[in-house]
Amino acid sequence: MEAAARSWRRSSSSHSLFQFFIFSLAILLLMLNFPTVSASETTNKASRKTYKSFIKKACNSATYPSDCYKSLSKYASAIKTDPEKLYRVSLFVTIKAARKTSFSISTLWRLKGLSRTERAIVRDCASTISYAIDEMKQSLTVMANIQGADHKSELIENIRTWVAAALTDEGTCTDEFDGQKVSYEVNKNIKKTVLNLSKLTSNCLALLNTLSNRS
């Protein structure tokens, strides 16, 4: 009986040592792998910080720096530190905002009780924002041909012309509110959204310098 007990204790001890060995090996492997994961995460964080710093520096030259950074920083991983990608994204963001503004204006046609003045404002703003969208699309088309172009400075000036025209059209819309009595609903859905769009467009125009300085 005693011999059997000693045999069981030896067997149990060997089993425990084997379990300890396996456990230690698992911990060692985990420790070996951990620095690799940590280094990768650190590198990614450092890269995102670099990308965002690039965007922030570029946005410092914009008309509305905080609005510029807020609208573009979420695309940092796509932009990286490429001025052309930065500008292409800024155009995309501005066109997206213009479409949203256009939709907001179109909903006003369903409102009842609009005055003749308000209907005229809605109609004219719908037209001018539509023009602005087309002009921004034209600038995006030109932008698609800028990479590797020999006449880059000429293309940049074409983009400047289209974006400036869009900004003028947006201003024409808000100018119609001067001295006019309009309802809160019309003011909210047109003036406020168009003013926000104008900020993005103005920033877009200012950011052309990032391309001009590179050309």
N, C-alpha and C. Protein backbone atom coordinates (compact mmCIF):
# COMPACT_ATOMS: atom_id res chain seq x y z
N MET A 1 0.83 -1.20 0.00
CA MET A 1 0.00 0.00 0.00
C MET A 1 0.87 1.26 0.00
N GLU A 2 1.90 1.20 0.84
CA GLU A 2 2.80 2.34 0.94
C GLU A 2 3.56 2.52 -0.37
N ALA A 3 3.94 1.37 -0.98
CA ALA A 3 4.66 1.43 -2.26
C ALA A 3 3.77 2.03 -3.34
N ALA A 4 2.50 1.65 -3.29
CA ALA A 4 1.55 2.19 -4.28
C ALA A 4 1.39 3.69 -4.10
N ALA A 5 1.35 4.14 -2.82
CA ALA A 5 1.19 5.56 -2.53
C ALA A 5 2.39 6.35 -3.05
N ARG A 6 3.60 5.76 -2.83
CA ARG A 6 4.80 6.45 -3.29
C ARG A 6 4.79 6.54 -4.82
N SER A 7 4.34 5.46 -5.44
CA SER A 7 4.26 5.45 -6.91
C SER A 7 3.28 6.50 -7.41
N TRP A 8 2.15 6.66 -6.71
CA TRP A 8 1.13 7.65 -7.12
C TRP A 8 1.66 9.07 -6.97
N ARG A 9 2.44 9.29 -5.81
CA ARG A 9 2.98 10.63 -5.58
C ARG A 9 4.00 10.98 -6.65
N ARG A 10 4.84 9.98 -7.05
CA ARG A 10 5.82 10.24 -8.10
C ARG A 10 5.12 10.57 -9.43
N SER A 11 4.06 9.78 -9.69
CA SER A 11 3.30 10.02 -10.92
C SER A 11 2.64 11.39 -10.91
N SER A 12 2.09 11.74 -9.73
CA SER A 12 1.41 13.04 -9.59
C SER A 12 2.41 14.18 -9.71
N SER A 13 3.58 13.99 -9.10
CA SER A 13 4.62 15.02 -9.15
C SER A 13 5.10 15.23 -10.58
N SER A 14 5.28 14.11 -11.31
CA SER A 14 5.73 14.21 -12.70
C SER A 14 4.69 14.92 -13.56
N HIS A 15 3.43 14.60 -13.29
CA HIS A 15 2.34 15.24 -14.03
C HIS A 15 2.31 16.75 -13.76
N SER A 16 2.52 17.11 -12.49
CA SER A 16 2.51 18.53 -12.11
C SER A 16 3.67 19.25 -12.78
N LEU A 17 4.84 18.60 -12.79
CA LEU A 17 6.00 19.22 -13.44
C LEU A 17 5.75 19.41 -14.93
N PHE A 18 5.09 18.42 -15.55
CA PHE A 18 4.78 18.52 -16.97
C PHE A 18 3.81 19.67 -17.25
N GLN A 19 2.78 19.80 -16.37
CA GLN A 19 1.81 20.89 -16.51
C GLN A 19 2.51 22.24 -16.35
N PHE A 20 3.43 22.32 -15.36
CA PHE A 20 4.16 23.56 -15.12
C PHE A 20 5.02 23.93 -16.33
N PHE A 21 5.63 22.90 -16.93
CA PHE A 21 6.46 23.12 -18.11
C PHE A 21 5.63 23.67 -19.26
N ILE A 22 4.45 23.05 -19.49
CA ILE A 22 3.56 23.51 -20.56
C ILE A 22 3.10 24.95 -20.30
N PHE A 23 2.72 25.23 -19.06
CA PHE A 23 2.26 26.57 -18.68
C PHE A 23 3.36 27.60 -18.90
N SER A 24 4.59 27.26 -18.48
CA SER A 24 5.72 28.18 -18.63
C SER A 24 6.03 28.43 -20.09
N LEU A 25 5.93 27.36 -20.90
CA LEU A 25 6.18 27.49 -22.33
C LEU A 25 5.15 28.41 -22.99
N ALA A 26 3.90 28.26 -22.56
CA ALA A 26 2.82 29.11 -23.11
C ALA A 26 3.07 30.58 -22.76
N ILE A 27 3.46 30.85 -21.51
CA ILE A 27 3.75 32.22 -21.07
C ILE A 27 4.91 32.79 -21.87
N LEU A 28 5.95 31.96 -22.09
CA LEU A 28 7.12 32.41 -22.84
C LEU A 28 6.75 32.78 -24.27
N LEU A 29 5.93 31.94 -24.90
CA LEU A 29 5.50 32.22 -26.27
C LEU A 29 4.68 33.50 -26.33
N LEU A 30 3.84 33.69 -25.33
CA LEU A 30 3.01 34.89 -25.27
C LEU A 30 3.89 36.13 -25.14
N MET A 31 4.92 36.04 -24.29
CA MET A 31 5.83 37.17 -24.09
C MET A 31 6.63 37.47 -25.35
N LEU A 32 6.98 36.41 -26.10
CA LEU A 32 7.73 36.61 -27.32
C LEU A 32 6.90 37.28 -28.39
N ASN A 33 5.61 36.93 -28.42
CA ASN A 33 4.71 37.51 -29.43
C ASN A 33 4.25 38.91 -29.07
N PHE A 34 4.14 39.21 -27.83
CA PHE A 34 3.56 40.47 -27.38
C PHE A 34 4.30 41.70 -27.89
N PRO A 35 5.66 41.73 -27.82
CA PRO A 35 6.35 42.91 -28.33
C PRO A 35 6.07 43.20 -29.79
N THR A 36 5.88 42.14 -30.60
CA THR A 36 5.59 42.33 -32.03
C THR A 36 4.27 43.05 -32.22
N VAL A 37 3.23 42.62 -31.50
CA VAL A 37 1.92 43.25 -31.58
C VAL A 37 1.99 44.68 -31.09
N SER A 38 2.68 44.88 -29.97
CA SER A 38 2.80 46.20 -29.38
C SER A 38 3.53 47.15 -30.32
N ALA A 39 4.60 46.67 -30.95
CA ALA A 39 5.36 47.49 -31.88
C ALA A 39 4.51 47.89 -33.08
N SER A 40 3.70 46.94 -33.57
CA SER A 40 2.83 47.23 -34.70
C SER A 40 1.81 48.30 -34.35
N GLU A 41 1.21 48.16 -33.18
CA GLU A 41 0.22 49.15 -32.74
C GLU A 41 0.88 50.51 -32.56
N THR A 42 2.08 50.51 -32.00
CA THR A 42 2.80 51.77 -31.79
C THR A 42 3.11 52.44 -33.12
N THR A 43 3.52 51.62 -34.11
CA THR A 43 3.82 52.15 -35.44
C THR A 43 2.57 52.75 -36.09
N ASN A 44 1.45 52.05 -35.97
CA ASN A 44 0.19 52.55 -36.54
C ASN A 44 -0.23 53.86 -35.89
N LYS A 45 -0.09 53.93 -34.57
CA LYS A 45 -0.45 55.16 -33.86
C LYS A 45 0.46 56.31 -34.29
N ALA A 46 1.75 56.00 -34.43
CA ALA A 46 2.71 57.02 -34.85
C ALA A 46 2.39 57.50 -36.26
N SER A 47 1.99 56.57 -37.14
CA SER A 47 1.65 56.93 -38.51
C SER A 47 0.41 57.82 -38.54
N ARG A 48 -0.62 57.43 -37.78
CA ARG A 48 -1.85 58.24 -37.74
C ARG A 48 -1.56 59.63 -37.21
N LYS A 49 -0.68 59.70 -36.23
CA LYS A 49 -0.31 61.01 -35.66
C LYS A 49 0.40 61.86 -36.71
N THR A 50 1.27 61.22 -37.49
CA THR A 50 1.98 61.93 -38.55
C THR A 50 1.02 62.43 -39.61
N TYR A 51 0.07 61.57 -40.00
CA TYR A 51 -0.91 61.93 -41.02
C TYR A 51 -1.77 63.11 -40.56
N LYS A 52 -2.21 63.03 -39.32
CA LYS A 52 -3.08 64.09 -38.79
C LYS A 52 -2.31 65.40 -38.63
N SER A 53 -1.04 65.30 -38.29
CA SER A 53 -0.20 66.50 -38.18
C SER A 53 -0.05 67.17 -39.55
N PHE A 54 0.08 66.34 -40.58
CA PHE A 54 0.17 66.86 -41.95
C PHE A 54 -1.11 67.60 -42.32
N ILE A 55 -2.26 67.00 -42.01
CA ILE A 55 -3.55 67.63 -42.32
C ILE A 55 -3.73 68.93 -41.54
N LYS A 56 -3.35 68.89 -40.27
CA LYS A 56 -3.51 70.09 -39.44
C LYS A 56 -2.65 71.23 -39.96
N LYS A 57 -1.43 70.91 -40.36
CA LYS A 57 -0.53 71.94 -40.90
C LYS A 57 -1.09 72.53 -42.18
N ALA A 58 -1.64 71.66 -43.04
CA ALA A 58 -2.24 72.13 -44.29
C ALA A 58 -3.46 73.00 -44.00
N CYS A 59 -4.25 72.59 -43.02
CA CYS A 59 -5.48 73.33 -42.68
C CYS A 59 -5.20 74.67 -42.02
N ASN A 60 -4.00 74.86 -41.53
CA ASN A 60 -3.66 76.16 -40.93
C ASN A 60 -3.71 77.28 -41.96
N SER A 61 -3.58 76.92 -43.24
CA SER A 61 -3.64 77.92 -44.31
C SER A 61 -5.06 78.10 -44.83
N ALA A 62 -6.01 77.31 -44.33
CA ALA A 62 -7.40 77.40 -44.78
C ALA A 62 -8.09 78.61 -44.16
N THR A 63 -9.19 79.00 -44.75
CA THR A 63 -9.96 80.14 -44.25
C THR A 63 -10.57 79.83 -42.88
N TYR A 64 -11.02 78.60 -42.72
CA TYR A 64 -11.60 78.15 -41.45
C TYR A 64 -10.85 76.88 -41.01
N PRO A 65 -9.71 77.06 -40.34
CA PRO A 65 -8.83 75.93 -39.99
C PRO A 65 -9.49 74.80 -39.21
N SER A 66 -10.29 75.15 -38.19
CA SER A 66 -10.90 74.11 -37.37
C SER A 66 -11.91 73.29 -38.16
N ASP A 67 -12.69 73.96 -39.02
CA ASP A 67 -13.65 73.24 -39.87
C ASP A 67 -12.92 72.36 -40.88
N CYS A 68 -11.81 72.86 -41.37
CA CYS A 68 -10.99 72.11 -42.33
C CYS A 68 -10.48 70.82 -41.68
N TYR A 69 -9.89 70.95 -40.51
CA TYR A 69 -9.32 69.77 -39.85
C TYR A 69 -10.41 68.78 -39.46
N LYS A 70 -11.53 69.28 -38.99
CA LYS A 70 -12.63 68.41 -38.57
C LYS A 70 -13.17 67.60 -39.75
N SER A 71 -13.23 68.21 -40.91
CA SER A 71 -13.80 67.53 -42.08
C SER A 71 -12.83 66.56 -42.74
N LEU A 72 -11.52 66.77 -42.55
CA LEU A 72 -10.53 65.95 -43.26
C LEU A 72 -9.79 64.94 -42.39
N SER A 73 -9.69 65.20 -41.10
CA SER A 73 -8.88 64.33 -40.23
C SER A 73 -9.40 62.89 -40.18
N LYS A 74 -10.69 62.70 -40.36
CA LYS A 74 -11.26 61.34 -40.34
C LYS A 74 -10.79 60.50 -41.53
N TYR A 75 -10.22 61.18 -42.54
CA TYR A 75 -9.71 60.48 -43.72
C TYR A 75 -8.18 60.41 -43.71
N ALA A 76 -7.59 60.58 -42.54
CA ALA A 76 -6.13 60.64 -42.42
C ALA A 76 -5.43 59.43 -43.00
N SER A 77 -5.98 58.24 -42.77
CA SER A 77 -5.34 57.01 -43.25
C SER A 77 -5.33 56.93 -44.78
N ALA A 78 -6.29 57.57 -45.41
CA ALA A 78 -6.34 57.58 -46.88
C ALA A 78 -5.46 58.68 -47.45
N ILE A 79 -5.41 59.81 -46.76
CA ILE A 79 -4.65 60.97 -47.23
C ILE A 79 -3.15 60.78 -47.01
N LYS A 80 -2.81 60.21 -45.86
CA LYS A 80 -1.41 60.07 -45.43
C LYS A 80 -0.74 61.46 -45.45
N THR A 81 0.33 61.63 -46.22
CA THR A 81 0.99 62.94 -46.31
C THR A 81 1.09 63.39 -47.76
N ASP A 82 0.09 63.00 -48.54
CA ASP A 82 0.08 63.30 -49.97
C ASP A 82 -0.80 64.52 -50.26
N PRO A 83 -0.23 65.64 -50.71
CA PRO A 83 -1.01 66.86 -50.98
C PRO A 83 -2.12 66.65 -52.01
N GLU A 84 -1.85 65.81 -53.01
CA GLU A 84 -2.87 65.57 -54.04
C GLU A 84 -4.05 64.78 -53.48
N LYS A 85 -3.77 63.80 -52.64
CA LYS A 85 -4.84 63.05 -52.00
C LYS A 85 -5.61 63.94 -51.04
N LEU A 86 -4.90 64.82 -50.35
CA LEU A 86 -5.54 65.77 -49.44
C LEU A 86 -6.55 66.61 -50.19
N TYR A 87 -6.14 67.12 -51.35
CA TYR A 87 -7.04 68.00 -52.09
C TYR A 87 -8.19 67.23 -52.71
N ARG A 88 -7.90 66.02 -53.18
CA ARG A 88 -8.97 65.20 -53.78
C ARG A 88 -10.04 64.89 -52.74
N VAL A 89 -9.61 64.60 -51.51
CA VAL A 89 -10.56 64.31 -50.43
C VAL A 89 -11.34 65.57 -50.06
N SER A 90 -10.67 66.72 -50.05
CA SER A 90 -11.36 67.97 -49.71
C SER A 90 -12.44 68.27 -50.74
N LEU A 91 -12.19 67.97 -52.01
CA LEU A 91 -13.21 68.14 -53.05
C LEU A 91 -14.37 67.18 -52.82
N PHE A 92 -14.04 65.94 -52.53
CA PHE A 92 -15.05 64.92 -52.28
C PHE A 92 -15.96 65.32 -51.10
N VAL A 93 -15.34 65.79 -50.02
CA VAL A 93 -16.09 66.21 -48.83
C VAL A 93 -17.00 67.39 -49.15
N THR A 94 -16.51 68.32 -49.94
CA THR A 94 -17.29 69.51 -50.29
C THR A 94 -18.47 69.16 -51.19
N ILE A 95 -18.23 68.28 -52.16
CA ILE A 95 -19.32 67.84 -53.05
C ILE A 95 -20.38 67.09 -52.25
N LYS A 96 -19.95 66.26 -51.33
CA LYS A 96 -20.88 65.52 -50.49
C LYS A 96 -21.75 66.48 -49.67
N ALA A 97 -21.13 67.53 -49.13
CA ALA A 97 -21.88 68.54 -48.36
C ALA A 97 -22.84 69.31 -49.26
N ALA A 98 -22.42 69.58 -50.49
CA ALA A 98 -23.28 70.30 -51.44
C ALA A 98 -24.52 69.48 -51.79
N ARG A 99 -24.33 68.18 -51.96
CA ARG A 99 -25.48 67.31 -52.25
C ARG A 99 -26.44 67.27 -51.07
N LYS A 100 -25.89 67.24 -49.87
CA LYS A 100 -26.72 67.25 -48.67
C LYS A 100 -27.50 68.55 -48.57
N THR A 101 -26.84 69.65 -48.92
CA THR A 101 -27.50 70.96 -48.91
C THR A 101 -28.62 71.00 -49.95
N SER A 102 -28.34 70.46 -51.12
CA SER A 102 -29.33 70.42 -52.19
C SER A 102 -30.57 69.63 -51.76
N PHE A 103 -30.34 68.51 -51.09
CA PHE A 103 -31.46 67.70 -50.61
C PHE A 103 -32.27 68.47 -49.56
N SER A 104 -31.56 69.18 -48.68
CA SER A 104 -32.23 69.96 -47.63
C SER A 104 -33.13 71.03 -48.24
N ILE A 105 -32.64 71.66 -49.30
CA ILE A 105 -33.43 72.69 -49.98
C ILE A 105 -34.65 72.08 -50.68
N SER A 106 -34.44 70.92 -51.29
CA SER A 106 -35.54 70.28 -52.03
C SER A 106 -36.70 69.89 -51.12
N THR A 107 -36.44 69.63 -49.85
CA THR A 107 -37.50 69.25 -48.93
C THR A 107 -38.44 70.42 -48.63
N LEU A 108 -37.96 71.63 -48.89
CA LEU A 108 -38.77 72.81 -48.57
C LEU A 108 -39.97 72.97 -49.50
N TRP A 109 -39.90 72.37 -50.68
CA TRP A 109 -41.02 72.48 -51.62
C TRP A 109 -42.29 71.86 -51.05
N ARG A 110 -42.13 70.94 -50.08
CA ARG A 110 -43.30 70.27 -49.50
C ARG A 110 -43.93 71.08 -48.36
N LEU A 111 -43.24 72.15 -47.94
CA LEU A 111 -43.78 72.95 -46.85
C LEU A 111 -45.00 73.75 -47.31
N LYS A 112 -45.98 73.82 -46.44
CA LYS A 112 -47.17 74.61 -46.75
C LYS A 112 -47.01 76.02 -46.19
N GLY A 113 -47.64 76.96 -46.84
CA GLY A 113 -47.65 78.33 -46.33
C GLY A 113 -46.42 79.14 -46.67
N LEU A 114 -45.61 78.68 -47.63
CA LEU A 114 -44.46 79.48 -48.02
C LEU A 114 -44.91 80.75 -48.72
N SER A 115 -44.27 81.85 -48.38
CA SER A 115 -44.61 83.12 -49.04
C SER A 115 -44.01 83.14 -50.44
N ARG A 116 -44.42 84.11 -51.23
CA ARG A 116 -43.88 84.22 -52.59
C ARG A 116 -42.37 84.47 -52.55
N THR A 117 -41.96 85.28 -51.58
CA THR A 117 -40.52 85.57 -51.42
C THR A 117 -39.75 84.30 -51.08
N GLU A 118 -40.30 83.51 -50.16
CA GLU A 118 -39.63 82.28 -49.74
C GLU A 118 -39.55 81.28 -50.89
N ARG A 119 -40.60 81.18 -51.67
CA ARG A 119 -40.57 80.27 -52.81
C ARG A 119 -39.53 80.69 -53.84
N ALA A 120 -39.38 82.00 -54.01
CA ALA A 120 -38.38 82.51 -54.94
C ALA A 120 -36.97 82.19 -54.44
N ILE A 121 -36.78 82.32 -53.13
CA ILE A 121 -35.47 82.01 -52.53
C ILE A 121 -35.15 80.53 -52.68
N VAL A 122 -36.14 79.69 -52.41
CA VAL A 122 -35.95 78.25 -52.53
C VAL A 122 -35.61 77.87 -53.96
N ARG A 123 -36.34 78.45 -54.92
CA ARG A 123 -36.11 78.14 -56.33
C ARG A 123 -34.71 78.57 -56.77
N ASP A 124 -34.35 79.80 -56.42
CA ASP A 124 -33.05 80.32 -56.86
C ASP A 124 -31.89 79.59 -56.18
N CYS A 125 -32.06 79.28 -54.90
CA CYS A 125 -30.99 78.57 -54.18
C CYS A 125 -30.82 77.15 -54.72
N ALA A 126 -31.93 76.53 -55.06
CA ALA A 126 -31.85 75.18 -55.63
C ALA A 126 -31.03 75.20 -56.92
N SER A 127 -31.23 76.25 -57.72
CA SER A 127 -30.49 76.38 -58.97
C SER A 127 -29.01 76.66 -58.73
N THR A 128 -28.71 77.60 -57.85
CA THR A 128 -27.31 77.98 -57.64
C THR A 128 -26.50 76.85 -56.99
N ILE A 129 -27.12 76.09 -56.08
CA ILE A 129 -26.41 74.97 -55.46
C ILE A 129 -26.19 73.87 -56.49
N SER A 130 -27.13 73.70 -57.39
CA SER A 130 -26.98 72.73 -58.47
C SER A 130 -25.79 73.12 -59.36
N TYR A 131 -25.68 74.43 -59.65
CA TYR A 131 -24.55 74.91 -60.43
C TYR A 131 -23.24 74.65 -59.68
N ALA A 132 -23.26 74.92 -58.38
CA ALA A 132 -22.06 74.74 -57.56
C ALA A 132 -21.60 73.28 -57.57
N ILE A 133 -22.55 72.37 -57.49
CA ILE A 133 -22.21 70.94 -57.51
C ILE A 133 -21.54 70.58 -58.84
N ASP A 134 -22.12 71.07 -59.94
CA ASP A 134 -21.54 70.79 -61.27
C ASP A 134 -20.13 71.36 -61.38
N GLU A 135 -19.93 72.55 -60.83
CA GLU A 135 -18.61 73.19 -60.90
C GLU A 135 -17.58 72.44 -60.06
N MET A 136 -18.00 71.96 -58.89
CA MET A 136 -17.10 71.17 -58.05
C MET A 136 -16.76 69.85 -58.73
N LYS A 137 -17.73 69.26 -59.42
CA LYS A 137 -17.47 68.03 -60.17
C LYS A 137 -16.45 68.26 -61.28
N GLN A 138 -16.55 69.43 -61.92
CA GLN A 138 -15.59 69.77 -62.97
C GLN A 138 -14.18 69.87 -62.40
N SER A 139 -14.07 70.46 -61.21
CA SER A 139 -12.76 70.59 -60.58
C SER A 139 -12.21 69.22 -60.19
N LEU A 140 -13.10 68.31 -59.80
CA LEU A 140 -12.69 66.95 -59.45
C LEU A 140 -12.20 66.20 -60.69
N THR A 141 -12.86 66.46 -61.83
CA THR A 141 -12.44 65.85 -63.09
C THR A 141 -11.04 66.32 -63.48
N VAL A 142 -10.80 67.61 -63.33
CA VAL A 142 -9.47 68.16 -63.62
C VAL A 142 -8.44 67.57 -62.68
N MET A 143 -8.82 67.42 -61.42
CA MET A 143 -7.93 66.88 -60.40
C MET A 143 -7.49 65.46 -60.74
N ALA A 144 -8.35 64.71 -61.38
CA ALA A 144 -8.04 63.32 -61.74
C ALA A 144 -6.91 63.24 -62.76
N ASN A 145 -6.67 64.35 -63.47
CA ASN A 145 -5.64 64.35 -64.52
C ASN A 145 -4.35 65.04 -64.10
N ILE A 146 -4.28 65.45 -62.84
CA ILE A 146 -3.16 66.27 -62.42
C ILE A 146 -1.88 65.49 -62.13
N GLN A 147 -2.04 64.24 -61.71
CA GLN A 147 -0.87 63.45 -61.34
C GLN A 147 0.02 63.17 -62.55
N GLY A 148 1.26 63.58 -62.45
CA GLY A 148 2.23 63.36 -63.52
C GLY A 148 2.07 64.27 -64.72
N ALA A 149 1.15 65.24 -64.65
CA ALA A 149 0.92 66.14 -65.78
C ALA A 149 2.08 67.13 -65.94
N ASP A 150 2.42 67.45 -67.18
CA ASP A 150 3.50 68.42 -67.45
C ASP A 150 3.02 69.85 -67.22
N HIS A 151 1.73 70.08 -67.42
CA HIS A 151 1.17 71.42 -67.28
C HIS A 151 0.34 71.52 -65.99
N LYS A 152 0.92 71.08 -64.90
CA LYS A 152 0.20 71.02 -63.62
C LYS A 152 -0.29 72.39 -63.16
N SER A 153 0.53 73.41 -63.33
CA SER A 153 0.14 74.75 -62.88
C SER A 153 -1.11 75.24 -63.61
N GLU A 154 -1.22 74.89 -64.88
CA GLU A 154 -2.41 75.27 -65.66
C GLU A 154 -3.64 74.54 -65.15
N LEU A 155 -3.48 73.27 -64.83
CA LEU A 155 -4.60 72.50 -64.29
C LEU A 155 -5.04 73.04 -62.93
N ILE A 156 -4.08 73.43 -62.12
CA ILE A 156 -4.41 74.00 -60.80
C ILE A 156 -5.23 75.28 -60.95
N GLU A 157 -4.87 76.09 -61.94
CA GLU A 157 -5.63 77.33 -62.17
C GLU A 157 -7.04 77.01 -62.66
N ASN A 158 -7.18 75.94 -63.44
CA ASN A 158 -8.53 75.52 -63.87
C ASN A 158 -9.37 75.10 -62.67
N ILE A 159 -8.74 74.35 -61.77
CA ILE A 159 -9.45 73.94 -60.55
C ILE A 159 -9.85 75.16 -59.74
N ARG A 160 -8.93 76.12 -59.63
CA ARG A 160 -9.22 77.34 -58.88
C ARG A 160 -10.42 78.08 -59.45
N THR A 161 -10.49 78.10 -60.78
CA THR A 161 -11.61 78.79 -61.45
C THR A 161 -12.94 78.12 -61.12
N TRP A 162 -12.97 76.78 -61.19
CA TRP A 162 -14.21 76.05 -60.92
C TRP A 162 -14.65 76.18 -59.47
N VAL A 163 -13.69 76.05 -58.55
CA VAL A 163 -14.04 76.13 -57.12
C VAL A 163 -14.49 77.55 -56.76
N ALA A 164 -13.82 78.56 -57.31
CA ALA A 164 -14.20 79.95 -57.06
C ALA A 164 -15.61 80.23 -57.59
N ALA A 165 -15.93 79.65 -58.73
CA ALA A 165 -17.28 79.81 -59.30
C ALA A 165 -18.32 79.18 -58.40
N ALA A 166 -18.01 78.02 -57.84
CA ALA A 166 -18.94 77.35 -56.91
C ALA A 166 -19.17 78.20 -55.68
N LEU A 167 -18.08 78.77 -55.16
CA LEU A 167 -18.20 79.63 -53.97
C LEU A 167 -19.06 80.86 -54.26
N THR A 168 -18.91 81.42 -55.45
CA THR A 168 -19.72 82.58 -55.86
C THR A 168 -21.20 82.22 -55.92
N ASP A 169 -21.51 81.05 -56.48
CA ASP A 169 -22.90 80.61 -56.57
C ASP A 169 -23.51 80.39 -55.19
N GLU A 170 -22.75 79.83 -54.29
CA GLU A 170 -23.23 79.62 -52.92
C GLU A 170 -23.50 80.96 -52.25
N GLY A 171 -22.64 81.93 -52.51
CA GLY A 171 -22.83 83.27 -51.95
C GLY A 171 -24.06 83.95 -52.50
N THR A 172 -24.35 83.69 -53.77
CA THR A 172 -25.55 84.26 -54.41
C THR A 172 -26.81 83.79 -53.70
N CYS A 173 -26.79 82.53 -53.27
CA CYS A 173 -27.94 81.97 -52.56
C CYS A 173 -28.17 82.70 -51.24
N THR A 174 -27.15 82.84 -50.43
CA THR A 174 -27.30 83.47 -49.11
C THR A 174 -27.56 84.98 -49.23
N ASP A 175 -27.09 85.59 -50.31
CA ASP A 175 -27.32 87.03 -50.50
C ASP A 175 -28.80 87.34 -50.63
N GLU A 176 -29.57 86.37 -51.11
CA GLU A 176 -31.01 86.60 -51.31
C GLU A 176 -31.76 86.77 -49.99
N PHE A 177 -31.14 86.39 -48.89
CA PHE A 177 -31.78 86.54 -47.59
C PHE A 177 -31.70 87.97 -47.06
N ASP A 178 -30.79 88.77 -47.62
CA ASP A 178 -30.59 90.14 -47.13
C ASP A 178 -31.87 90.97 -47.25
N GLY A 179 -32.31 91.46 -46.12
CA GLY A 179 -33.49 92.33 -46.07
C GLY A 179 -34.81 91.62 -46.29
N GLN A 180 -34.79 90.30 -46.35
CA GLN A 180 -36.02 89.54 -46.59
C GLN A 180 -36.49 88.86 -45.30
N LYS A 181 -37.79 88.78 -45.17
CA LYS A 181 -38.38 88.10 -44.02
C LYS A 181 -38.69 86.66 -44.40
N VAL A 182 -38.01 85.73 -43.74
CA VAL A 182 -38.23 84.32 -44.04
C VAL A 182 -38.50 83.56 -42.75
N SER A 183 -39.17 82.44 -42.87
CA SER A 183 -39.51 81.63 -41.71
C SER A 183 -38.27 80.94 -41.15
N TYR A 184 -38.40 80.46 -39.91
CA TYR A 184 -37.30 79.74 -39.26
C TYR A 184 -36.93 78.49 -40.05
N GLU A 185 -37.93 77.80 -40.59
CA GLU A 185 -37.71 76.56 -41.32
C GLU A 185 -36.88 76.81 -42.58
N VAL A 186 -37.20 77.87 -43.30
CA VAL A 186 -36.45 78.21 -44.50
C VAL A 186 -35.03 78.62 -44.15
N ASN A 187 -34.91 79.42 -43.12
CA ASN A 187 -33.59 79.89 -42.68
C ASN A 187 -32.71 78.72 -42.25
N LYS A 188 -33.32 77.79 -41.50
CA LYS A 188 -32.57 76.63 -40.99
C LYS A 188 -32.11 75.72 -42.12
N ASN A 189 -33.00 75.45 -43.07
CA ASN A 189 -32.71 74.49 -44.12
C ASN A 189 -31.91 75.05 -45.29
N ILE A 190 -31.85 76.37 -45.38
CA ILE A 190 -31.08 76.95 -46.48
C ILE A 190 -29.86 77.72 -45.98
N LYS A 191 -30.13 78.80 -45.28
CA LYS A 191 -29.03 79.70 -44.92
C LYS A 191 -27.95 79.02 -44.10
N LYS A 192 -28.37 78.27 -43.09
CA LYS A 192 -27.39 77.63 -42.21
C LYS A 192 -26.56 76.58 -42.96
N THR A 193 -27.25 75.73 -43.73
CA THR A 193 -26.52 74.67 -44.45
C THR A 193 -25.64 75.23 -45.56
N VAL A 194 -26.12 76.28 -46.24
CA VAL A 194 -25.33 76.89 -47.31
C VAL A 194 -24.09 77.60 -46.74
N LEU A 195 -24.25 78.22 -45.59
CA LEU A 195 -23.10 78.87 -44.95
C LEU A 195 -22.04 77.84 -44.56
N ASN A 196 -22.49 76.70 -44.05
CA ASN A 196 -21.54 75.63 -43.71
C ASN A 196 -20.85 75.10 -44.98
N LEU A 197 -21.62 74.98 -46.05
CA LEU A 197 -21.06 74.53 -47.33
C LEU A 197 -20.03 75.55 -47.85
N SER A 198 -20.35 76.81 -47.70
CA SER A 198 -19.44 77.87 -48.15
C SER A 198 -18.10 77.82 -47.41
N LYS A 199 -18.15 77.45 -46.15
CA LYS A 199 -16.90 77.32 -45.38
C LYS A 199 -16.02 76.22 -45.97
N LEU A 200 -16.64 75.08 -46.28
CA LEU A 200 -15.88 73.98 -46.87
C LEU A 200 -15.32 74.36 -48.24
N THR A 201 -16.13 75.06 -49.03
CA THR A 201 -15.69 75.46 -50.36
C THR A 201 -14.57 76.48 -50.28
N SER A 202 -14.68 77.40 -49.34
CA SER A 202 -13.64 78.40 -49.14
C SER A 202 -12.33 77.74 -48.70
N ASN A 203 -12.45 76.74 -47.83
CA ASN A 203 -11.27 75.98 -47.40
C ASN A 203 -10.65 75.25 -48.59
N CYS A 204 -11.52 74.70 -49.41
CA CYS A 204 -11.08 73.96 -50.60
C CYS A 204 -10.27 74.87 -51.52
N LEU A 205 -10.72 76.08 -51.65
CA LEU A 205 -10.03 77.06 -52.50
C LEU A 205 -8.66 77.40 -51.91
N ALA A 206 -8.62 77.59 -50.60
CA ALA A 206 -7.37 77.94 -49.92
C ALA A 206 -6.36 76.80 -49.96
N LEU A 207 -6.85 75.56 -49.89
CA LEU A 207 -5.97 74.40 -49.87
C LEU A 207 -5.27 74.16 -51.21
N LEU A 208 -5.69 74.87 -52.24
CA LEU A 208 -5.01 74.75 -53.53
C LEU A 208 -3.54 75.13 -53.42
N ASN A 209 -3.22 75.95 -52.41
CA ASN A 209 -1.83 76.35 -52.21
C ASN A 209 -0.93 75.15 -51.93
N THR A 210 -1.52 74.09 -51.32
CA THR A 210 -0.71 72.89 -51.01
C THR A 210 -0.28 72.22 -52.31
N LEU A 211 -1.09 72.37 -53.36
CA LEU A 211 -0.73 71.83 -54.66
C LEU A 211 0.21 72.76 -55.41
N SER A 212 -0.08 74.07 -55.32
CA SER A 212 0.73 75.08 -56.01
C SER A 212 2.17 75.05 -55.53
N ASN A 213 2.34 74.87 -54.21
CA ASN A 213 3.68 74.85 -53.63
C ASN A 213 4.47 73.63 -54.04
N ARG A 214 3.73 72.58 -54.48
CA ARG A 214 4.39 71.33 -54.86
C ARG A 214 4.70 71.26 -56.35
N SER A 215 3.95 72.03 -57.12
CA SER A 215 4.09 71.94 -58.58
C SER A 215 5.36 72.61 -59.07
